[in-house]
C-alpha cells in the first residue's frame, strides 16, 4: 500500500509559472525494503505526475528520513524525471511503476 510520507510546505514552480504541491510517497516491497518517490500535483487542475522510484531504503523510517533531506534543487531534477518518463497518475493513484527486484 502506498503511503504519503510527507507533503512539502513550499510549492514547486515550473518554468511556465505553474505551481505544484510536492509529496513524498513510499511503499513496502518484497525483502523488507521500502521504495520512495515524489508526486507533483498541479494546483491549477489537480493533475498529478509521479517520478520513477527515487530511493530504496531498509524501512519506512529510513524512507521518511530520506524525504526530510529533499529541497528545491532536488525538486528541479525530480520534476523533469516526472514529466519526461515518470507516471502521469490519476486523482487516486500515486504509484510509479513497481520495481520488484
PDB file of N, CA and C in Angstrom:
ATOM      1  N   UNK A   1       0.837  -1.184   0.000  1.00  0.00           N
ATOM      2  CA  UNK A   1       0.000   0.000   0.000  1.00  0.00           C
ATOM      3  C   UNK A   1       0.880   1.246   0.000  1.00  0.00           C
ATOM      4  N   UNK A   2       0.526   2.210  -0.835  1.00  0.00           N
ATOM      5  CA  UNK A   2       1.287   3.448  -0.921  1.00  0.00           C
ATOM      6  C   UNK A   2       0.944   4.352   0.253  1.00  0.00           C
ATOM      7  N   UNK A   3       1.979   4.986   0.804  1.00  0.00           N
ATOM      8  CA  UNK A   3       1.819   5.843   1.971  1.00  0.00           C
ATOM      9  C   UNK A   3       2.406   7.213   1.675  1.00  0.00           C
ATOM     10  N   UNK A   4       1.620   8.273   1.927  1.00  0.00           N
ATOM     11  CA  UNK A   4       2.207   9.609   1.810  1.00  0.00           C
ATOM     12  C   UNK A   4       3.076   9.814   3.035  1.00  0.00           C
ATOM     13  N   UNK A   5       4.352  10.034   2.809  1.00  0.00           N
ATOM     14  CA  UNK A   5       5.315  10.189   3.888  1.00  0.00           C
ATOM     15  C   UNK A   5       5.442  11.643   4.328  1.00  0.00           C
ATOM     16  N   UNK A   6       5.321  12.542   3.355  1.00  0.00           N
ATOM     17  CA  UNK A   6       5.496  13.957   3.670  1.00  0.00           C
ATOM     18  C   UNK A   6       4.907  14.800   2.542  1.00  0.00           C
ATOM     19  N   UNK A   7       4.230  15.881   2.909  1.00  0.00           N
ATOM     20  CA  UNK A   7       3.837  16.906   1.941  1.00  0.00           C
ATOM     21  C   UNK A   7       4.702  18.108   2.257  1.00  0.00           C
ATOM     22  N   UNK A   8       5.412  18.593   1.264  1.00  0.00           N
ATOM     23  CA  UNK A   8       6.351  19.687   1.475  1.00  0.00           C
ATOM     24  C   UNK A   8       5.594  21.015   1.530  1.00  0.00           C
ATOM     25  N   UNK A   9       6.033  21.892   2.412  1.00  0.00           N
ATOM     26  CA  UNK A   9       5.337  23.154   2.655  1.00  0.00           C
ATOM     27  C   UNK A   9       5.406  24.115   1.480  1.00  0.00           C
ATOM     28  N   UNK A  10       6.556  24.197   0.844  1.00  0.00           N
ATOM     29  CA  UNK A  10       6.742  25.161  -0.230  1.00  0.00           C
ATOM     30  C   UNK A  10       6.375  24.536  -1.567  1.00  0.00           C
ATOM     31  N   UNK A  11       5.429  25.137  -2.288  1.00  0.00           N
ATOM     32  CA  UNK A  11       5.084  24.605  -3.605  1.00  0.00           C
ATOM     33  C   UNK A  11       6.265  24.722  -4.575  1.00  0.00           C
ATOM     34  N   UNK A  12       6.285  23.855  -5.569  1.00  0.00           N
ATOM     35  CA  UNK A  12       7.279  23.900  -6.638  1.00  0.00           C
ATOM     36  C   UNK A  12       6.675  24.686  -7.793  1.00  0.00           C
ATOM     37  N   UNK A  13       7.462  25.582  -8.397  1.00  0.00           N
ATOM     38  CA  UNK A  13       7.014  26.347  -9.552  1.00  0.00           C
ATOM     39  C   UNK A  13       7.865  25.982 -10.756  1.00  0.00           C
ATOM     40  N   UNK A  14       7.195  25.582 -11.855  1.00  0.00           N
ATOM     41  CA  UNK A  14       7.941  25.199 -13.052  1.00  0.00           C
ATOM     42  C   UNK A  14       8.312  26.438 -13.872  1.00  0.00           C
ATOM     43  N   UNK A  15       8.988  26.210 -14.984  1.00  0.00           N
ATOM     44  CA  UNK A  15       9.452  27.301 -15.828  1.00  0.00           C
ATOM     45  C   UNK A  15       8.341  28.123 -16.459  1.00  0.00           C
ATOM     46  N   UNK A  16       7.138  27.572 -16.526  1.00  0.00           N
ATOM     47  CA  UNK A  16       5.990  28.289 -17.077  1.00  0.00           C
ATOM     48  C   UNK A  16       5.180  29.010 -16.000  1.00  0.00           C
ATOM     49  N   UNK A  17       5.651  28.938 -14.755  1.00  0.00           N
ATOM     50  CA  UNK A  17       4.961  29.603 -13.662  1.00  0.00           C
ATOM     51  C   UNK A  17       3.839  28.795 -13.028  1.00  0.00           C
ATOM     52  N   UNK A  18       3.664  27.539 -13.453  1.00  0.00           N
ATOM     53  CA  UNK A  18       2.644  26.677 -12.850  1.00  0.00           C
ATOM     54  C   UNK A  18       3.182  26.151 -11.527  1.00  0.00           C
ATOM     55  N   UNK A  19       2.299  26.096 -10.524  1.00  0.00           N
ATOM     56  CA  UNK A  19       2.730  25.639  -9.208  1.00  0.00           C
ATOM     57  C   UNK A  19       2.193  24.237  -8.932  1.00  0.00           C
ATOM     58  N   UNK A  20       2.969  23.497  -8.141  1.00  0.00           N
ATOM     59  CA  UNK A  20       2.674  22.106  -7.812  1.00  0.00           C
ATOM     60  C   UNK A  20       2.888  21.888  -6.325  1.00  0.00           C
ATOM     61  N   UNK A  21       1.997  21.127  -5.722  1.00  0.00           N
ATOM     62  CA  UNK A  21       2.215  20.634  -4.368  1.00  0.00           C
ATOM     63  C   UNK A  21       3.067  19.384  -4.519  1.00  0.00           C
ATOM     64  N   UNK A  22       4.126  19.293  -3.729  1.00  0.00           N
ATOM     65  CA  UNK A  22       5.035  18.150  -3.823  1.00  0.00           C
ATOM     66  C   UNK A  22       4.862  17.271  -2.585  1.00  0.00           C
ATOM     67  N   UNK A  23       4.712  15.970  -2.816  1.00  0.00           N
ATOM     68  CA  UNK A  23       4.603  14.998  -1.729  1.00  0.00           C
ATOM     69  C   UNK A  23       5.561  13.853  -1.980  1.00  0.00           C
ATOM     70  N   UNK A  24       6.104  13.315  -0.898  1.00  0.00           N
ATOM     71  CA  UNK A  24       6.916  12.109  -0.963  1.00  0.00           C
ATOM     72  C   UNK A  24       6.035  10.926  -0.577  1.00  0.00           C
ATOM     73  N   UNK A  25       6.117   9.871  -1.350  1.00  0.00           N
ATOM     74  CA  UNK A  25       5.364   8.646  -1.098  1.00  0.00           C
ATOM     75  C   UNK A  25       6.328   7.487  -0.950  1.00  0.00           C
ATOM     76  N   UNK A  26       5.849   6.436  -0.291  1.00  0.00           N
ATOM     77  CA  UNK A  26       6.642   5.230  -0.145  1.00  0.00           C
ATOM     78  C   UNK A  26       5.753   4.013  -0.074  1.00  0.00           C
ATOM     79  N   UNK A  27       6.384   2.863  -0.257  1.00  0.00           N
ATOM     80  CA  UNK A  27       5.681   1.582  -0.136  1.00  0.00           C
ATOM     81  C   UNK A  27       6.670   0.504   0.280  1.00  0.00           C
ATOM     82  N   UNK A  28       6.142  -0.429   1.036  1.00  0.00           N
ATOM     83  CA  UNK A  28       6.917  -1.603   1.406  1.00  0.00           C
ATOM     84  C   UNK A  28       6.980  -2.522   0.203  1.00  0.00           C
ATOM     85  N   UNK A  29       8.092  -3.200   0.039  1.00  0.00           N
ATOM     86  CA  UNK A  29       8.224  -4.155  -1.056  1.00  0.00           C
ATOM     87  C   UNK A  29       8.830  -5.446  -0.543  1.00  0.00           C
ATOM     88  N   UNK A  30       8.910  -6.390  -1.411  1.00  0.00           N
ATOM     89  CA  UNK A  30       9.450  -7.696  -1.016  1.00  0.00           C
ATOM     90  C   UNK A  30      10.843  -7.534  -0.408  1.00  0.00           C
ATOM     91  N   UNK A  31      11.203  -8.451   0.416  1.00  0.00           N
ATOM     92  CA  UNK A  31      12.526  -8.483   1.058  1.00  0.00           C
ATOM     93  C   UNK A  31      12.702  -7.377   2.090  1.00  0.00           C
ATOM     94  N   UNK A  32      11.570  -6.874   2.638  1.00  0.00           N
ATOM     95  CA  UNK A  32      11.611  -5.936   3.752  1.00  0.00           C
ATOM     96  C   UNK A  32      12.354  -4.641   3.461  1.00  0.00           C
ATOM     97  N   UNK A  33      12.200  -4.104   2.269  1.00  0.00           N
ATOM     98  CA  UNK A  33      12.743  -2.786   1.965  1.00  0.00           C
ATOM     99  C   UNK A  33      11.592  -1.872   1.549  1.00  0.00           C
ATOM    100  N   UNK A  34      11.888  -0.586   1.475  1.00  0.00           N
ATOM    101  CA  UNK A  34      10.894   0.405   1.068  1.00  0.00           C
ATOM    102  C   UNK A  34      11.392   1.171  -0.147  1.00  0.00           C
ATOM    103  N   UNK A  35      10.463   1.558  -1.019  1.00  0.00           N
ATOM    104  CA  UNK A  35      10.748   2.426  -2.150  1.00  0.00           C
ATOM    105  C   UNK A  35      10.151   3.797  -1.870  1.00  0.00           C
ATOM    106  N   UNK A  36      10.789   4.835  -2.373  1.00  0.00           N
ATOM    107  CA  UNK A  36      10.268   6.184  -2.229  1.00  0.00           C
ATOM    108  C   UNK A  36      10.288   6.924  -3.552  1.00  0.00           C
ATOM    109  N   UNK A  37       9.326   7.814  -3.753  1.00  0.00           N
ATOM    110  CA  UNK A  37       9.234   8.621  -4.966  1.00  0.00           C
ATOM    111  C   UNK A  37       8.482   9.901  -4.650  1.00  0.00           C
ATOM    112  N   UNK A  38       8.445  10.807  -5.607  1.00  0.00           N
ATOM    113  CA  UNK A  38       7.754  12.078  -5.429  1.00  0.00           C
ATOM    114  C   UNK A  38       6.563  12.178  -6.369  1.00  0.00           C
ATOM    115  N   UNK A  39       5.540  12.907  -5.924  1.00  0.00           N
ATOM    116  CA  UNK A  39       4.385  13.218  -6.752  1.00  0.00           C
ATOM    117  C   UNK A  39       4.219  14.734  -6.766  1.00  0.00           C
ATOM    118  N   UNK A  40       4.113  15.292  -7.974  1.00  0.00           N
ATOM    119  CA  UNK A  40       3.875  16.716  -8.175  1.00  0.00           C
ATOM    120  C   UNK A  40       2.416  16.866  -8.591  1.00  0.00           C
ATOM    121  N   UNK A  41       1.644  17.591  -7.792  1.00  0.00           N
ATOM    122  CA  UNK A  41       0.231  17.813  -8.100  1.00  0.00           C
ATOM    123  C   UNK A  41       0.036  19.263  -8.527  1.00  0.00           C
ATOM    124  N   UNK A  42      -0.333  19.438  -9.801  1.00  0.00           N
ATOM    125  CA  UNK A  42      -0.518  20.781 -10.347  1.00  0.00           C
ATOM    126  C   UNK A  42      -1.713  21.441  -9.668  1.00  0.00           C
ATOM    127  N   UNK A  43      -1.501  22.630  -9.113  1.00  0.00           N
ATOM    128  CA  UNK A  43      -2.546  23.290  -8.345  1.00  0.00           C
ATOM    129  C   UNK A  43      -3.696  23.786  -9.215  1.00  0.00           C
ATOM    130  N   UNK A  44      -3.432  24.077 -10.478  1.00  0.00           N
ATOM    131  CA  UNK A  44      -4.489  24.639 -11.326  1.00  0.00           C
ATOM    132  C   UNK A  44      -5.566  23.619 -11.688  1.00  0.00           C
ATOM    133  N   UNK A  45      -5.200  22.342 -11.795  1.00  0.00           N
ATOM    134  CA  UNK A  45      -6.179  21.338 -12.235  1.00  0.00           C
ATOM    135  C   UNK A  45      -6.122  20.017 -11.476  1.00  0.00           C
ATOM    136  N   UNK A  46      -5.208  19.897 -10.513  1.00  0.00           N
ATOM    137  CA  UNK A  46      -5.126  18.678  -9.713  1.00  0.00           C
ATOM    138  C   UNK A  46      -4.454  17.509 -10.404  1.00  0.00           C
ATOM    139  N   UNK A  47      -3.938  17.703 -11.608  1.00  0.00           N
ATOM    140  CA  UNK A  47      -3.259  16.615 -12.320  1.00  0.00           C
ATOM    141  C   UNK A  47      -1.967  16.270 -11.589  1.00  0.00           C
ATOM    142  N   UNK A  48      -1.683  14.968 -11.511  1.00  0.00           N
ATOM    143  CA  UNK A  48      -0.536  14.503 -10.732  1.00  0.00           C
ATOM    144  C   UNK A  48       0.481  13.812 -11.633  1.00  0.00           C
ATOM    145  N   UNK A  49       1.753  14.032 -11.304  1.00  0.00           N
ATOM    146  CA  UNK A  49       2.861  13.452 -12.049  1.00  0.00           C
ATOM    147  C   UNK A  49       3.833  12.839 -11.048  1.00  0.00           C
ATOM    148  N   UNK A  50       4.104  11.561 -11.204  1.00  0.00           N
ATOM    149  CA  UNK A  50       4.995  10.856 -10.271  1.00  0.00           C
ATOM    150  C   UNK A  50       6.343  10.595 -10.917  1.00  0.00           C
ATOM    151  N   UNK A  51       7.383  10.709 -10.116  1.00  0.00           N
ATOM    152  CA  UNK A  51       8.710  10.312 -10.585  1.00  0.00           C
ATOM    153  C   UNK A  51       8.780   8.783 -10.605  1.00  0.00           C
ATOM    154  N   UNK A  52       9.776   8.252 -11.286  1.00  0.00           N
ATOM    155  CA  UNK A  52      10.075   6.841 -11.059  1.00  0.00           C
ATOM    156  C   UNK A  52      10.536   6.681  -9.601  1.00  0.00           C
ATOM    157  N   UNK A  53      10.746   5.477  -9.176  1.00  0.00           N
ATOM    158  CA  UNK A  53      11.268   5.244  -7.824  1.00  0.00           C
ATOM    159  C   UNK A  53      12.580   6.014  -7.683  1.00  0.00           C
ATOM    160  N   UNK A  54      12.672   6.815  -6.625  1.00  0.00           N
ATOM    161  CA  UNK A  54      13.842   7.663  -6.394  1.00  0.00           C
ATOM    162  C   UNK A  54      14.826   7.060  -5.395  1.00  0.00           C
ATOM    163  N   UNK A  55      14.335   6.192  -4.521  1.00  0.00           N
ATOM    164  CA  UNK A  55      15.213   5.620  -3.498  1.00  0.00           C
ATOM    165  C   UNK A  55      14.680   4.264  -3.044  1.00  0.00           C
ATOM    166  N   UNK A  56      15.574   3.447  -2.559  1.00  0.00           N
ATOM    167  CA  UNK A  56      15.217   2.212  -1.862  1.00  0.00           C
ATOM    168  C   UNK A  56      15.921   2.256  -0.516  1.00  0.00           C
ATOM    169  N   UNK A  57      15.147   2.072   0.534  1.00  0.00           N
ATOM    170  CA  UNK A  57      15.665   2.177   1.895  1.00  0.00           C
ATOM    171  C   UNK A  57      15.316   0.907   2.672  1.00  0.00           C
ATOM    172  N   UNK A  58      15.985   0.688   3.800  1.00  0.00           N
ATOM    173  CA  UNK A  58      15.742  -0.545   4.554  1.00  0.00           C
ATOM    174  C   UNK A  58      14.377  -0.620   5.237  1.00  0.00           C
ATOM    175  N   UNK A  59      13.742   0.538   5.519  1.00  0.00           N
ATOM    176  CA  UNK A  59      12.455   0.509   6.213  1.00  0.00           C
ATOM    177  C   UNK A  59      11.736   1.841   6.028  1.00  0.00           C
ATOM    178  N   UNK A  60      10.520   1.934   6.553  1.00  0.00           N
ATOM    179  CA  UNK A  60       9.726   3.154   6.408  1.00  0.00           C
ATOM    180  C   UNK A  60      10.410   4.350   7.060  1.00  0.00           C
ATOM    181  N   UNK A  61      10.957   4.159   8.233  1.00  0.00           N
ATOM    182  CA  UNK A  61      11.611   5.261   8.940  1.00  0.00           C
ATOM    183  C   UNK A  61      12.749   5.854   8.110  1.00  0.00           C
ATOM    184  N   UNK A  62      13.550   5.010   7.489  1.00  0.00           N
ATOM    185  CA  UNK A  62      14.660   5.492   6.659  1.00  0.00           C
ATOM    186  C   UNK A  62      14.142   6.219   5.417  1.00  0.00           C
ATOM    187  N   UNK A  63      13.026   5.763   4.876  1.00  0.00           N
ATOM    188  CA  UNK A  63      12.436   6.418   3.706  1.00  0.00           C
ATOM    189  C   UNK A  63      11.900   7.787   4.091  1.00  0.00           C
ATOM    190  N   UNK A  64      11.271   7.885   5.258  1.00  0.00           N
ATOM    191  CA  UNK A  64      10.823   9.190   5.751  1.00  0.00           C
ATOM    192  C   UNK A  64      12.016  10.128   5.958  1.00  0.00           C
ATOM    193  N   UNK A  65      13.092   9.597   6.507  1.00  0.00           N
ATOM    194  CA  UNK A  65      14.289  10.408   6.729  1.00  0.00           C
ATOM    195  C   UNK A  65      14.849  10.902   5.391  1.00  0.00           C
ATOM    196  N   UNK A  66      14.880  10.035   4.384  1.00  0.00           N
ATOM    197  CA  UNK A  66      15.325  10.439   3.041  1.00  0.00           C
ATOM    198  C   UNK A  66      14.539  11.661   2.585  1.00  0.00           C
ATOM    199  N   UNK A  67      13.219  11.627   2.762  1.00  0.00           N
ATOM    200  CA  UNK A  67      12.354  12.709   2.297  1.00  0.00           C
ATOM    201  C   UNK A  67      12.659  14.027   2.999  1.00  0.00           C
ATOM    202  N   UNK A  68      13.080  13.974   4.271  1.00  0.00           N
ATOM    203  CA  UNK A  68      13.341  15.219   5.007  1.00  0.00           C
ATOM    204  C   UNK A  68      14.527  15.986   4.448  1.00  0.00           C
ATOM    205  N   UNK A  69      15.392  15.322   3.704  1.00  0.00           N
ATOM    206  CA  UNK A  69      16.564  15.988   3.146  1.00  0.00           C
ATOM    207  C   UNK A  69      16.351  16.595   1.774  1.00  0.00           C
ATOM    208  N   UNK A  70      15.154  16.498   1.233  1.00  0.00           N
ATOM    209  CA  UNK A  70      14.896  16.982  -0.114  1.00  0.00           C
ATOM    210  C   UNK A  70      14.506  18.453  -0.100  1.00  0.00           C
ATOM    211  N   UNK A  71      14.887  19.147  -1.154  1.00  0.00           N
ATOM    212  CA  UNK A  71      14.558  20.563  -1.251  1.00  0.00           C
ATOM    213  C   UNK A  71      14.502  21.010  -2.695  1.00  0.00           C
ATOM    214  N   UNK A  72      14.549  22.318  -2.900  1.00  0.00           N
ATOM    215  CA  UNK A  72      14.318  22.926  -4.208  1.00  0.00           C
ATOM    216  C   UNK A  72      15.236  22.378  -5.303  1.00  0.00           C
ATOM    217  N   UNK A  73      16.503  22.226  -5.025  1.00  0.00           N
ATOM    218  CA  UNK A  73      17.425  21.740  -6.047  1.00  0.00           C
ATOM    219  C   UNK A  73      17.075  20.317  -6.457  1.00  0.00           C
ATOM    220  N   UNK A  74      16.761  19.483  -5.493  1.00  0.00           N
ATOM    221  CA  UNK A  74      16.364  18.103  -5.802  1.00  0.00           C
ATOM    222  C   UNK A  74      15.063  18.104  -6.601  1.00  0.00           C
ATOM    223  N   UNK A  75      14.118  18.954  -6.218  1.00  0.00           N
ATOM    224  CA  UNK A  75      12.827  19.007  -6.902  1.00  0.00           C
ATOM    225  C   UNK A  75      12.976  19.393  -8.368  1.00  0.00           C
ATOM    226  N   UNK A  76      13.959  20.250  -8.695  1.00  0.00           N
ATOM    227  CA  UNK A  76      14.183  20.624 -10.094  1.00  0.00           C
ATOM    228  C   UNK A  76      14.401  19.387 -10.959  1.00  0.00           C
ATOM    229  N   UNK A  77      15.317  18.536 -10.537  1.00  0.00           N
ATOM    230  CA  UNK A  77      15.601  17.322 -11.303  1.00  0.00           C
ATOM    231  C   UNK A  77      14.472  16.317 -11.242  1.00  0.00           C
ATOM    232  N   UNK A  78      13.865  16.169 -10.076  1.00  0.00           N
ATOM    233  CA  UNK A  78      12.767  15.210  -9.920  1.00  0.00           C
ATOM    234  C   UNK A  78      11.570  15.605 -10.783  1.00  0.00           C
ATOM    235  N   UNK A  79      11.306  16.900 -10.891  1.00  0.00           N
ATOM    236  CA  UNK A  79      10.208  17.362 -11.727  1.00  0.00           C
ATOM    237  C   UNK A  79      10.454  16.968 -13.184  1.00  0.00           C
ATOM    238  N   UNK A  80      11.668  17.143 -13.655  1.00  0.00           N
ATOM    239  CA  UNK A  80      11.997  16.735 -15.029  1.00  0.00           C
ATOM    240  C   UNK A  80      11.810  15.235 -15.212  1.00  0.00           C
ATOM    241  N   UNK A  81      12.215  14.453 -14.226  1.00  0.00           N
ATOM    242  CA  UNK A  81      12.018  12.998 -14.319  1.00  0.00           C
ATOM    243  C   UNK A  81      10.536  12.647 -14.353  1.00  0.00           C
ATOM    244  N   UNK A  82       9.738  13.347 -13.562  1.00  0.00           N
ATOM    245  CA  UNK A  82       8.295  13.079 -13.532  1.00  0.00           C
ATOM    246  C   UNK A  82       7.642  13.433 -14.863  1.00  0.00           C
ATOM    247  N   UNK A  83       8.088  14.511 -15.471  1.00  0.00           N
ATOM    248  CA  UNK A  83       7.472  14.962 -16.713  1.00  0.00           C
ATOM    249  C   UNK A  83       7.997  14.218 -17.934  1.00  0.00           C
ATOM    250  N   UNK A  84       9.204  13.690 -17.855  1.00  0.00           N
ATOM    251  CA  UNK A  84       9.855  13.082 -19.026  1.00  0.00           C
ATOM    252  C   UNK A  84      10.058  11.582 -18.908  1.00  0.00           C
ATOM    253  N   UNK A  85       9.227  10.908 -18.210  1.00  0.00           N
ATOM    254  CA  UNK A  85       9.429   9.472 -18.115  1.00  0.00           C
ATOM    255  C   UNK A  85       8.814   8.880 -16.879  1.00  0.00           C
ATOM    256  N   UNK A  86       8.322   9.733 -16.031  1.00  0.00           N
ATOM    257  CA  UNK A  86       7.610   9.233 -14.863  1.00  0.00           C
ATOM    258  C   UNK A  86       6.195   8.870 -15.259  1.00  0.00           C
ATOM    259  N   UNK A  87       5.373   8.680 -14.277  1.00  0.00           N
ATOM    260  CA  UNK A  87       3.994   8.265 -14.499  1.00  0.00           C
ATOM    261  C   UNK A  87       3.058   9.453 -14.342  1.00  0.00           C
ATOM    262  N   UNK A  88       2.133   9.582 -15.288  1.00  0.00           N
ATOM    263  CA  UNK A  88       1.035  10.527 -15.112  1.00  0.00           C
ATOM    264  C   UNK A  88      -0.040   9.748 -14.399  1.00  0.00           C
ATOM    265  N   UNK A  89      -0.387  10.168 -13.213  1.00  0.00           N
ATOM    266  CA  UNK A  89      -1.262   9.365 -12.370  1.00  0.00           C
ATOM    267  C   UNK A  89      -2.590  10.056 -12.155  1.00  0.00           C
ATOM    268  N   UNK A  90      -3.612   9.253 -11.911  1.00  0.00           N
ATOM    269  CA  UNK A  90      -4.951   9.779 -11.683  1.00  0.00           C
ATOM    270  C   UNK A  90      -5.097  10.377 -10.301  1.00  0.00           C
ATOM    271  N   UNK A  91      -6.267  10.842 -10.029  1.00  0.00           N
ATOM    272  CA  UNK A  91      -6.533  11.529  -8.767  1.00  0.00           C
ATOM    273  C   UNK A  91      -6.329  10.627  -7.553  1.00  0.00           C
ATOM    274  N   UNK A  92      -6.526   9.331  -7.697  1.00  0.00           N
ATOM    275  CA  UNK A  92      -6.422   8.434  -6.543  1.00  0.00           C
ATOM    276  C   UNK A  92      -5.201   7.537  -6.592  1.00  0.00           C
ATOM    277  N   UNK A  93      -4.540   7.468  -7.706  1.00  0.00           N
ATOM    278  CA  UNK A  93      -3.379   6.594  -7.856  1.00  0.00           C
ATOM    279  C   UNK A  93      -2.123   7.436  -7.762  1.00  0.00           C
ATOM    280  N   UNK A  94      -1.169   6.993  -6.999  1.00  0.00           N
ATOM    281  CA  UNK A  94       0.061   7.778  -6.860  1.00  0.00           C
ATOM    282  C   UNK A  94       1.306   6.968  -7.146  1.00  0.00           C
ATOM    283  N   UNK A  95       1.175   5.704  -7.432  1.00  0.00           N
ATOM    284  CA  UNK A  95       2.362   4.867  -7.508  1.00  0.00           C
ATOM    285  C   UNK A  95       3.023   4.914  -8.871  1.00  0.00           C
ATOM    286  N   UNK A  96       4.355   4.938  -8.899  1.00  0.00           N
ATOM    287  CA  UNK A  96       5.084   4.780 -10.135  1.00  0.00           C
ATOM    288  C   UNK A  96       5.135   3.307 -10.489  1.00  0.00           C
ATOM    289  N   UNK A  97       5.746   2.994 -11.597  1.00  0.00           N
ATOM    290  CA  UNK A  97       5.912   1.595 -11.975  1.00  0.00           C
ATOM    291  C   UNK A  97       6.623   0.854 -10.843  1.00  0.00           C
ATOM    292  N   UNK A  98       6.197  -0.334 -10.582  1.00  0.00           N
ATOM    293  CA  UNK A  98       6.724  -1.112  -9.460  1.00  0.00           C
ATOM    294  C   UNK A  98       7.993  -1.823  -9.884  1.00  0.00           C
ATOM    295  N   UNK A  99       9.052  -1.607  -9.137  1.00  0.00           N
ATOM    296  CA  UNK A  99      10.301  -2.345  -9.325  1.00  0.00           C
ATOM    297  C   UNK A  99      10.282  -3.489  -8.315  1.00  0.00           C
ATOM    298  N   UNK A 100      10.361  -4.710  -8.779  1.00  0.00           N
ATOM    299  CA  UNK A 100      10.225  -5.846  -7.887  1.00  0.00           C
ATOM    300  C   UNK A 100      11.532  -6.499  -7.521  1.00  0.00           C
ATOM    301  N   UNK A 101      12.598  -6.083  -8.095  1.00  0.00           N
ATOM    302  CA  UNK A 101      13.884  -6.714  -7.776  1.00  0.00           C
ATOM    303  C   UNK A 101      14.607  -5.969  -6.684  1.00  0.00           C
TER     304      UNK A 101
END
